[in-house]
Protein backbone atom coordinates (compact mmCIF):
# COMPACT_ATOMS: atom_id res chain seq x y z
CA MET A 1 71.02 146.58 124.55
CA ARG A 2 74.67 145.58 124.65
CA VAL A 3 75.56 141.90 124.22
CA ALA A 4 76.75 140.22 127.45
CA ASP A 5 75.70 143.36 129.31
CA SER A 6 76.07 141.89 132.79
CA VAL A 7 79.26 139.91 132.07
CA SER A 8 82.51 141.33 133.43
CA SER A 9 85.61 141.50 131.29
CA LEU A 10 87.24 138.84 133.48
CA GLU A 11 84.39 136.40 132.85
CA LEU A 12 83.72 137.25 129.20
CA ALA A 13 85.89 134.43 127.82
CA ASP A 14 84.01 131.87 129.95
CA TYR A 15 80.67 133.28 128.79
CA GLN A 16 81.76 133.15 125.15
CA LYS A 17 82.76 129.51 125.64
CA ALA A 18 79.20 128.81 126.84
CA VAL A 19 77.84 130.58 123.75
CA ARG A 20 80.01 128.52 121.42
CA THR A 21 79.03 125.32 123.25
CA ILE A 22 75.29 125.80 122.85
CA LEU A 23 75.64 127.01 119.25
CA CYS A 24 77.72 123.97 118.30
CA HIS A 25 75.50 121.57 120.26
CA PRO A 26 71.84 122.70 120.31
CA LEU A 27 71.15 119.86 122.75
CA VAL A 28 73.37 119.67 125.83
CA THR A 29 72.87 116.93 128.42
CA THR A 30 74.74 115.59 131.43
CA THR A 31 76.92 113.50 129.08
CA TRP A 32 76.73 115.30 125.71
CA PRO A 33 78.96 116.75 124.33
CA ASP A 34 80.96 116.28 127.55
CA PRO A 35 80.23 116.27 131.30
CA GLY A 36 81.39 119.87 131.74
CA ALA A 37 79.14 121.39 129.06
CA LEU A 38 75.81 121.43 130.93
CA PRO A 39 77.14 123.11 134.13
CA LEU A 40 78.78 125.77 131.93
CA VAL A 41 75.60 126.51 129.99
CA ARG A 42 73.42 126.46 133.11
CA ARG A 43 75.74 128.92 134.84
CA TRP A 44 75.15 131.49 132.10
CA ALA A 45 71.59 130.44 131.22
CA ALA A 46 69.90 133.76 132.10
CA GLN A 47 72.32 135.88 130.04
CA LEU A 48 72.32 133.34 127.21
CA ARG A 49 68.52 133.52 126.96
CA LEU A 50 68.63 137.31 126.65
CA ASP A 51 71.48 137.51 124.15
CA LEU A 52 70.54 134.59 121.92
CA ALA A 53 66.96 135.88 121.65
CA GLU A 54 67.93 139.49 120.96
CA VAL A 55 70.92 138.89 118.70
CA LEU A 56 69.80 135.77 116.79
CA GLY A 57 66.12 135.24 117.52
CA TYR A 58 66.88 131.85 119.14
CA ARG A 59 65.15 130.45 122.25
CA LEU A 60 67.02 128.60 124.99
CA VAL A 61 65.08 126.10 127.12
CA THR A 62 66.83 124.62 130.16
CA THR A 63 65.87 121.89 132.62
CA SER A 64 67.81 120.19 135.40
CA ASP A 65 69.40 117.75 132.94
CA THR A 66 69.18 119.43 129.53
CA ALA A 67 69.72 122.66 127.64
CA ARG A 68 67.94 122.92 124.29
CA LEU A 69 68.50 125.69 121.76
CA LEU A 70 65.53 126.24 119.45
CA ARG A 71 66.96 127.84 116.35
CA VAL A 72 65.40 129.82 113.55
CA GLN A 73 66.22 128.28 110.16
CA ASP A 74 66.76 130.69 107.28
CA ASP A 75 67.96 128.14 104.77
CA LEU A 76 67.94 124.42 103.97
CA ASP A 77 71.27 123.47 105.55
CA GLN A 78 72.91 120.22 104.48
CA SER A 79 76.24 120.89 106.19
CA GLN A 80 75.65 119.17 109.55
CA PRO A 81 74.18 115.68 109.03
CA ALA A 82 73.73 113.12 111.76
CA LEU A 83 76.78 110.86 111.84
CA THR A 84 77.31 107.22 112.73
CA ALA A 85 79.93 106.23 115.30
CA ALA A 86 82.28 105.65 112.34
CA GLY A 87 81.72 109.22 111.12
CA ARG A 88 79.54 108.40 108.09
CA ALA A 89 76.56 110.63 107.35
CA PHE A 90 73.11 109.17 107.94
CA ASP A 91 71.23 108.06 104.85
CA ARG A 92 67.45 108.39 104.48
CA ARG A 93 66.83 104.97 106.05
CA ARG A 94 68.80 105.85 109.17
CA TYR A 95 67.02 109.18 109.54
CA ALA A 96 63.67 107.39 109.26
CA TYR A 97 64.67 104.80 111.86
CA LEU A 98 65.95 107.57 114.15
CA THR A 99 62.60 109.34 114.03
CA LEU A 100 60.62 106.15 114.56
CA THR A 101 62.90 105.08 117.41
CA LEU A 102 62.41 108.40 119.17
CA ALA A 103 58.64 108.03 118.78
CA ALA A 104 58.75 104.49 120.17
CA LEU A 105 60.80 105.63 123.17
CA GLY A 106 58.19 108.30 123.86
CA ARG A 107 55.56 105.56 124.20
CA SER A 108 57.73 103.35 126.40
CA GLY A 109 58.35 103.22 130.13
CA THR A 110 61.69 103.65 131.87
CA GLN A 111 63.40 100.59 130.35
CA ILE A 112 63.19 98.72 127.06
CA ALA A 113 64.95 95.76 125.45
CA LEU A 114 66.59 96.41 122.12
CA SER A 115 64.66 93.63 120.42
CA GLU A 116 61.39 95.06 121.76
CA LEU A 117 62.35 98.51 120.50
CA ALA A 118 63.29 97.03 117.13
CA ASP A 119 59.92 95.26 116.85
CA SER A 120 58.09 98.52 117.60
CA VAL A 121 60.10 100.44 115.01
CA ALA A 122 59.65 97.65 112.45
CA ALA A 123 55.89 97.68 112.96
CA ASP A 124 55.78 101.42 112.25
CA ALA A 125 58.25 101.20 109.36
CA THR A 126 56.23 98.56 107.51
CA ARG A 127 53.29 100.97 107.38
CA ILE A 128 55.43 103.50 105.49
CA SER A 129 55.58 102.92 101.75
CA GLY A 130 59.13 102.40 100.53
CA LEU A 131 60.68 102.07 104.01
CA GLY A 132 60.05 98.87 105.94
CA MET A 133 62.37 97.19 108.42
CA ASP A 134 63.16 93.48 108.58
CA THR A 135 65.12 92.48 111.69
CA GLU A 136 66.21 89.36 109.83
CA ARG A 137 68.27 91.53 107.47
CA LYS A 138 71.72 92.61 108.70
CA PRO A 139 71.70 95.97 106.81
CA ASP A 140 68.38 96.91 108.45
CA ARG A 141 69.68 95.93 111.90
CA ASP A 142 72.87 97.95 111.35
CA ALA A 143 70.89 101.03 110.31
CA PHE A 144 68.61 100.69 113.33
CA VAL A 145 71.55 100.26 115.74
CA ASP A 146 73.21 103.36 114.27
CA ALA A 147 70.06 105.34 115.12
CA VAL A 148 70.00 103.95 118.67
CA ALA A 149 73.71 104.70 119.11
CA TRP A 150 73.12 108.32 118.03
CA LEU A 151 70.47 108.66 120.74
CA GLU A 152 72.66 106.94 123.32
CA ALA A 153 75.55 109.33 122.66
CA ARG A 154 73.23 112.21 123.60
CA GLY A 155 71.91 110.54 126.74
CA ALA A 156 68.41 109.67 125.53
CA VAL A 157 69.08 106.02 126.39
CA ARG A 158 71.79 104.29 128.40
CA THR A 159 72.90 100.68 128.11
CA ALA A 160 71.94 98.83 131.28
CA ASP A 161 72.99 95.40 130.06
CA GLY A 162 74.08 93.57 126.93
CA SER A 163 75.47 94.86 123.65
CA ALA A 164 73.77 96.42 120.65
CA ALA A 165 76.67 95.43 118.39
CA ALA A 166 76.31 91.79 119.45
CA TRP A 167 72.53 91.95 118.82
CA ALA A 168 73.14 93.42 115.34
CA ASN A 169 75.47 90.52 114.53
CA ASP A 170 73.21 87.79 115.94
CA PRO A 171 69.80 88.82 117.35
CA ASP A 172 68.98 85.22 118.28
CA GLN A 173 71.95 84.93 120.63
CA ALA A 174 72.36 88.47 122.00
CA GLU A 175 70.26 91.19 123.60
CA ALA A 176 70.65 94.68 125.09
CA LEU A 177 68.64 96.50 127.76
CA TYR A 178 68.34 100.29 127.84
CA ASP A 179 67.34 102.82 130.49
CA ILE A 180 65.30 105.64 128.93
CA ASP A 181 65.84 109.26 129.95
CA ARG A 182 62.45 110.82 129.28
CA GLU A 183 63.70 114.35 129.87
CA VAL A 184 66.29 114.03 127.11
CA THR A 185 63.93 112.33 124.68
CA GLY A 186 61.44 115.14 125.27
CA ALA A 187 64.10 117.79 124.67
CA LEU A 188 65.35 116.14 121.47
CA TYR A 189 62.14 116.45 119.50
CA ARG A 190 60.92 120.04 119.72
CA PRO A 191 59.34 120.87 116.34
CA THR A 192 58.39 124.48 115.67
CA ARG A 193 55.63 123.41 113.31
CA VAL A 194 52.99 120.69 113.21
CA LEU A 195 54.68 118.59 110.56
CA GLN A 196 51.44 117.16 109.20
CA HIS A 197 50.42 120.69 108.24
CA LEU A 198 53.47 121.41 106.10
CA GLY A 199 52.88 121.91 102.40
CA SER A 200 56.58 122.45 101.61
CA VAL A 201 59.89 121.98 103.35
CA THR A 202 60.31 125.77 103.19
CA ASP A 203 57.52 126.04 105.77
CA LEU A 204 60.16 125.00 108.30
CA LEU A 205 62.18 128.13 107.64
CA ASP A 206 62.21 131.53 109.38
CA HIS A 207 59.12 131.95 111.53
CA GLU A 208 59.97 135.13 113.45
CA ASN A 209 56.68 136.55 112.16
CA PRO A 210 54.33 133.55 112.42
CA THR A 211 51.17 135.67 112.45
CA GLY A 212 51.59 136.82 108.84
CA PHE A 213 50.57 140.39 109.73
CA GLU A 214 52.55 143.33 108.37
CA LEU A 215 55.42 144.34 110.65
CA GLY A 216 56.26 147.93 111.55
CA ARG A 217 59.46 149.59 110.37
CA GLU A 218 61.34 149.01 113.62
CA ALA A 219 60.22 145.37 113.83
CA ARG A 220 61.33 144.82 110.21
CA ARG A 221 64.71 146.37 110.96
CA ARG A 222 65.26 144.15 114.01
CA SER A 223 64.14 141.04 112.11
CA ALA A 224 66.54 141.81 109.24
CA ALA A 225 69.37 142.47 111.69
CA ARG A 226 68.84 139.09 113.36
CA ARG A 227 68.78 137.33 110.01
CA ALA A 228 71.99 139.04 108.91
CA ARG A 229 73.70 137.96 112.14
CA ARG A 230 72.46 134.37 111.71
CA LEU A 231 73.71 134.21 108.14
CA THR A 232 77.12 135.55 109.16
CA LEU A 233 77.35 133.13 112.07
CA GLU A 234 76.13 130.01 110.27
CA GLN A 235 77.76 130.38 106.85
CA PRO A 236 81.48 130.38 106.02
CA ALA A 237 81.02 133.63 104.07
CA VAL A 238 78.10 135.89 103.19
CA TYR A 239 78.39 137.75 99.87
CA HIS A 240 76.41 140.95 99.33
CA ALA A 241 75.41 139.82 95.84
CA ASP A 242 74.03 136.57 97.24
CA VAL A 243 71.44 137.98 99.65
CA ASP A 244 68.25 140.00 99.48
CA PRO A 245 68.77 143.78 99.13
CA SER A 246 67.11 144.24 102.52
CA LEU A 247 70.06 142.50 104.22
CA ARG A 248 72.96 144.29 102.52
CA GLY A 249 72.70 147.33 104.75
CA GLN A 250 72.63 145.15 107.85
CA LEU A 251 75.74 143.26 106.72
CA ARG A 252 77.57 146.61 106.43
CA SER A 253 76.37 147.84 109.83
CA PRO A 254 79.11 148.29 112.49
CA ALA A 255 76.68 146.82 115.03
CA LEU A 256 76.82 143.42 113.30
CA ALA A 257 80.55 143.08 113.92
CA GLU A 258 80.32 144.42 117.47
CA ASP A 259 77.50 142.08 118.48
CA LEU A 260 78.90 138.89 116.94
CA GLU A 261 82.46 139.46 118.09
CA ARG A 262 81.39 140.09 121.67
CA LEU A 263 78.97 137.16 121.61
CA THR A 264 81.32 134.53 120.17
CA GLY A 265 84.85 135.81 120.76
CA LEU A 266 85.62 135.51 117.03
CA THR A 267 86.67 138.22 114.56
CA LEU A 268 84.54 139.52 111.71
CA GLU A 269 86.41 140.16 108.46
CA ARG A 270 84.91 142.65 106.01
CA ARG A 271 85.62 142.89 102.31
CA ALA A 272 83.96 144.75 99.48
CA GLU A 273 82.22 141.54 98.39
CA GLY A 274 80.87 140.52 101.81
CA VAL A 275 81.69 139.41 105.35
CA ALA A 276 83.07 136.30 107.07
CA LEU A 277 83.41 135.37 110.72
CA ILE A 278 86.97 134.09 111.12
CA ASP A 279 87.54 131.17 113.49
CA LEU A 280 91.28 130.59 113.57
CA SER A 281 91.09 128.17 116.51
CA GLY A 282 88.24 126.04 115.18
CA ARG A 283 86.22 126.64 118.37
CA LEU A 284 82.95 127.22 116.51
CA SER A 285 83.56 125.60 113.13
CA ASP A 286 82.12 122.26 112.10
CA THR A 287 84.73 122.00 109.31
CA ARG A 288 88.38 122.95 109.76
CA PHE A 289 90.11 124.38 106.71
CA PRO A 290 92.99 124.10 106.01
CA SER A 291 93.29 120.72 107.69
CA GLY A 292 94.95 117.34 107.29
CA GLY A 293 94.01 114.46 105.05
CA THR A 294 94.30 113.88 101.33
CA VAL A 295 90.99 115.52 100.37
CA ALA A 296 91.50 118.65 102.50
CA GLN A 297 95.12 119.05 101.40
CA THR A 298 94.20 118.60 97.75
CA ALA A 299 91.33 121.08 98.15
CA LEU A 300 93.75 123.64 99.58
CA LEU A 301 96.19 123.27 96.70
CA LEU A 302 93.35 123.23 94.19
CA ALA A 303 92.01 126.45 95.74
CA ALA A 304 95.36 128.12 95.13
CA LYS A 305 95.38 126.95 91.50
CA ILE A 306 91.81 128.14 90.95
CA ALA A 307 92.58 131.54 92.50
CA GLU A 308 95.63 131.90 90.27
CA GLN A 309 93.68 130.99 87.14
CA ALA A 310 90.73 133.21 88.12
CA ALA A 311 93.00 136.24 88.40
CA LYS A 312 93.84 136.06 84.70
CA ALA A 313 92.09 138.64 82.56
CA ALA A 314 91.06 136.04 79.98
CA ALA A 315 88.98 134.03 82.48
CA GLU A 316 85.34 133.73 81.43
CA ARG A 317 82.90 135.18 83.95
CA LEU A 318 79.40 133.92 84.70
CA PRO A 319 76.69 134.79 87.26
CA ALA A 320 76.14 132.55 90.28
CA ALA A 321 72.79 131.43 91.62
CA THR A 322 71.64 133.46 94.61
CA SER A 323 70.80 131.86 97.94
CA ALA A 324 67.09 132.18 97.12
CA GLU A 325 67.58 130.36 93.80
CA ARG A 326 69.62 127.59 95.43
CA ARG A 327 67.01 127.22 98.15
CA ALA A 328 64.23 126.93 95.58
CA GLY A 329 66.11 124.18 93.76
CA VAL A 330 66.71 122.15 96.93
CA ALA A 331 63.12 122.67 98.09
CA ALA A 332 61.74 121.45 94.76
CA ARG A 333 63.70 118.20 95.05
CA ILE A 334 62.59 117.62 98.67
CA ASP A 335 58.98 118.60 98.04
CA GLY A 336 58.84 116.17 95.15
CA ALA A 337 59.21 113.34 97.66
CA LEU A 338 56.59 114.58 100.12
CA PRO A 339 53.37 112.55 100.37
CA GLU A 340 50.27 113.99 98.78
CA ARG A 341 48.12 115.86 101.27
CA GLY A 342 44.91 114.95 99.49
CA ALA A 343 41.58 116.57 100.30
CA THR A 344 42.88 118.24 103.47
CA ALA A 345 45.16 120.57 101.53
CA GLU A 346 42.65 123.41 101.34
CA LEU A 347 41.87 123.16 105.04
CA LEU A 348 45.57 123.40 105.89
CA ASP A 349 46.30 126.29 103.52
CA PRO A 350 46.53 129.49 105.63
CA THR A 351 45.79 131.70 102.59
CA PRO A 352 42.08 131.72 101.57
CA ALA A 353 41.35 131.26 97.88
CA GLY A 354 41.48 134.53 95.95
CA THR A 355 43.47 136.30 98.68
CA ALA A 356 46.86 137.72 97.78
CA PRO A 357 49.62 136.82 100.26
CA ILE A 358 50.92 139.56 102.53
CA ASN A 359 54.18 141.10 101.39
CA THR A 360 56.70 140.30 104.11
CA SER A 361 59.76 141.70 102.33
CA LEU A 362 61.96 144.00 104.34
CA PRO A 363 62.66 147.17 102.35
CA GLY A 364 64.38 150.10 104.02
CA THR A 365 65.41 148.13 107.09
CA ASP A 366 68.05 150.50 108.39
CA GLU A 367 70.09 153.58 107.70
CA PHE A 368 73.02 151.60 106.30
CA GLU A 369 71.07 150.20 103.35
CA ASP A 370 72.08 151.48 99.94
CA GLU A 371 69.71 154.07 98.48
CA ASP A 372 69.74 152.16 95.21
CA THR A 373 69.62 148.45 96.06
CA ALA A 374 69.45 147.37 92.41
CA THR A 375 73.08 146.27 92.13
CA ALA A 376 74.69 144.99 88.98
CA GLU A 377 74.65 141.21 88.59
CA ALA A 378 77.83 139.77 90.07
CA ARG A 379 79.84 137.59 87.71
CA TYR A 380 82.64 135.23 88.74
CA PRO A 381 85.52 133.48 86.93
CA PHE A 382 84.46 130.14 85.43
CA LEU A 383 86.70 127.04 85.54
CA THR A 384 85.67 123.97 83.56
CA ASP A 385 85.44 120.43 84.90
CA ALA A 386 88.14 119.42 82.41
CA TRP A 387 90.50 122.08 83.77
CA LEU A 388 89.80 121.01 87.37
CA ARG A 389 90.48 117.38 86.54
CA ALA A 390 93.72 118.22 84.71
CA CYS A 391 94.82 120.32 87.66
CA THR A 392 94.07 117.47 90.09
CA VAL A 393 96.01 115.01 87.93
CA LYS A 394 99.00 117.39 88.04
CA LEU A 395 98.71 117.66 91.85
CA VAL A 396 98.66 113.87 92.13
CA ALA A 397 101.76 113.67 89.95
CA ASP A 398 103.56 116.25 92.12
CA TYR A 399 102.42 115.17 95.60
CA GLY A 400 100.93 111.70 95.14
CA THR A 401 103.52 109.96 97.30
CA GLY A 402 101.90 111.55 100.34
CA MET A 403 98.28 110.87 99.35
CA SER A 404 96.10 107.91 100.28
CA ALA A 405 96.49 105.15 97.71
CA ASP A 406 92.79 104.77 96.85
CA LEU A 407 92.36 108.47 96.03
CA ARG A 408 95.71 108.72 94.29
CA GLU A 409 94.59 106.00 91.90
CA ASP A 410 91.23 107.72 91.26
CA PRO A 411 91.84 111.41 90.39
CA ASP A 412 88.23 111.93 89.30
CA ARG A 413 86.90 110.96 92.72
CA LEU A 414 89.59 113.01 94.46
CA CYS A 415 88.72 116.04 92.33
CA ALA A 416 85.00 115.65 93.02
CA ARG A 417 85.52 115.40 96.78
CA ALA A 418 87.93 118.34 96.87
CA VAL A 419 85.55 120.53 94.87
CA ALA A 420 82.64 119.50 97.11
CA LEU A 421 84.66 120.61 100.16
CA LEU A 422 85.46 123.96 98.56
CA ALA A 423 81.80 124.44 97.64
CA SER A 424 80.67 123.70 101.22
CA LEU A 425 83.01 126.46 102.41
CA ARG A 426 81.58 128.96 99.87
CA LEU A 427 84.96 129.17 98.10
CA VAL A 428 83.52 127.99 94.79
CA ALA A 429 80.02 127.67 93.37
CA PRO A 430 79.31 124.53 91.31
CA VAL A 431 77.58 125.19 87.97
CA ASP A 432 76.94 123.08 84.88
CA GLY A 433 80.29 122.11 83.41
CA GLY A 434 82.51 123.48 86.17
CA VAL A 435 82.72 125.90 89.09
CA LEU A 436 82.75 129.65 89.71
CA ALA A 437 85.60 131.06 91.79
CA LEU A 438 84.07 133.07 94.66
CA PRO A 439 85.87 136.03 96.29
CA LEU A 440 86.83 134.28 99.56
CA LEU A 441 89.06 131.99 97.50
CA GLY A 442 91.57 134.85 97.27
CA ARG A 443 92.67 134.12 100.84
CA TYR A 444 94.46 131.00 99.58
CA ARG A 445 96.14 132.44 96.49
CA SER A 446 99.66 132.24 97.93
CA VAL A 447 99.49 128.64 99.20
CA THR A 448 102.59 126.55 98.54
CA ALA A 449 103.25 122.89 99.29
CA GLN A 450 106.06 120.43 99.64
CA VAL A 451 106.50 116.73 100.24
CA ALA A 452 108.29 116.58 103.58
CA THR A 453 110.76 113.83 104.40
CA ARG A 454 110.43 112.09 107.75
CA ALA A 455 113.66 111.23 109.51
CA PRO A 456 113.65 107.41 109.81
CA ARG A 457 114.63 105.66 113.03
CA ILE A 458 116.78 103.25 111.00
CA ALA A 459 117.84 104.48 107.60
CA PRO A 460 115.96 102.49 104.93
CA PRO A 461 116.93 102.29 101.27
CA ALA A 462 114.09 104.68 100.28
CA GLN A 463 112.64 107.78 101.95
CA THR A 464 109.20 107.92 103.62
CA THR A 465 107.17 110.99 102.73
CA THR A 466 104.12 112.79 104.02
CA PHE A 467 101.81 115.21 102.24
CA GLU A 468 101.87 118.70 103.72
CA SER A 469 101.00 122.23 102.71
CA GLY A 470 101.52 125.69 104.13
CA THR A 471 100.77 129.31 103.49
């Protein structure tokens, strides 16, 4: 079936805007992300349900006031955290308060006072070892208010009276009253698993085959095709050496480019090493690169230096961890913090003792798969931490007049943040002692930069400079 089969060429751009909206914002309400988003998604709801299910394996649920996209997770994604109003990522305490607040709202009526909501959350939090919530402590109140503000931005609650900020500063003298939107709160929390039954965080991942029974050849091919499309859509770049052999053929399939380009309006770029969906306008990207700011500009210049150094024949080459290996490492850290399941573990284990698990690998998924999938281990140029730091110090010396003062005075922190940005974009892979230069980095090999002079309104004795870069 062709993507957007019933959409005319004149309306295709509008349909693709609806696709990008629901992909960027899995919850759309009358106010979030903007008042025009819900009418747009509802207009194309029928076609969106068909295409998102067939192409990506996602399920779209719509009501009169919400649109909720239920996604299939293939990996443990840390790239899109909840953010405070100031743009800071939620910490563990704020995530816990957010979950408890949502639960408390589900037990409430149509209105609730902020102090009453705080007391309910505090009562639940004190029963959780290591968490707690004391409304007499300003840091706890601030964390709680950040969670409430996140829900308010999405329309789960609306301020009817008072001020949450004033309550956080002085709960004895201030109060806030909220109207609760039960439809939005119900749409927000839509787990695909009973969380109490999870033995590992990886149980939250891909559940296209929840029965555990062996799939037929055609079903395996379609499942692999959906996973390949999801990886291409959700990751900055997908390298052939990084994925299971069963997906390499799907990544090379012409249908992958045709489906994703028609669905999103973006362009798929193919290289020998892998594929990347290119978003020049930033319409579907959560991180713009290149972009402004000291860290992003430094990361761009550092990328050019790394690419230049990596091209030298003398560069040492090392293998990079595959996506499966990275996932296992992250899962081990998360699982180490999960509570013990105790005596109920055997009852919750879907695999009886002595029974081998069913093999759900996807060999031979389509005609584009290589006959011999045992490819040679990919090795990438290695750059040491010392080299990266020296390079950052040189960049600060050359362009520091345009950088923020706090980062200019702390090259180690600037280097760490720039490398972290490059790693999140799959341009480098952090390893012990340094990074590996990944193939996509070659796009930025020819980057140059200059410190541009602003024309002053009244000529001062010294020039004012800004930090810029170009390609």
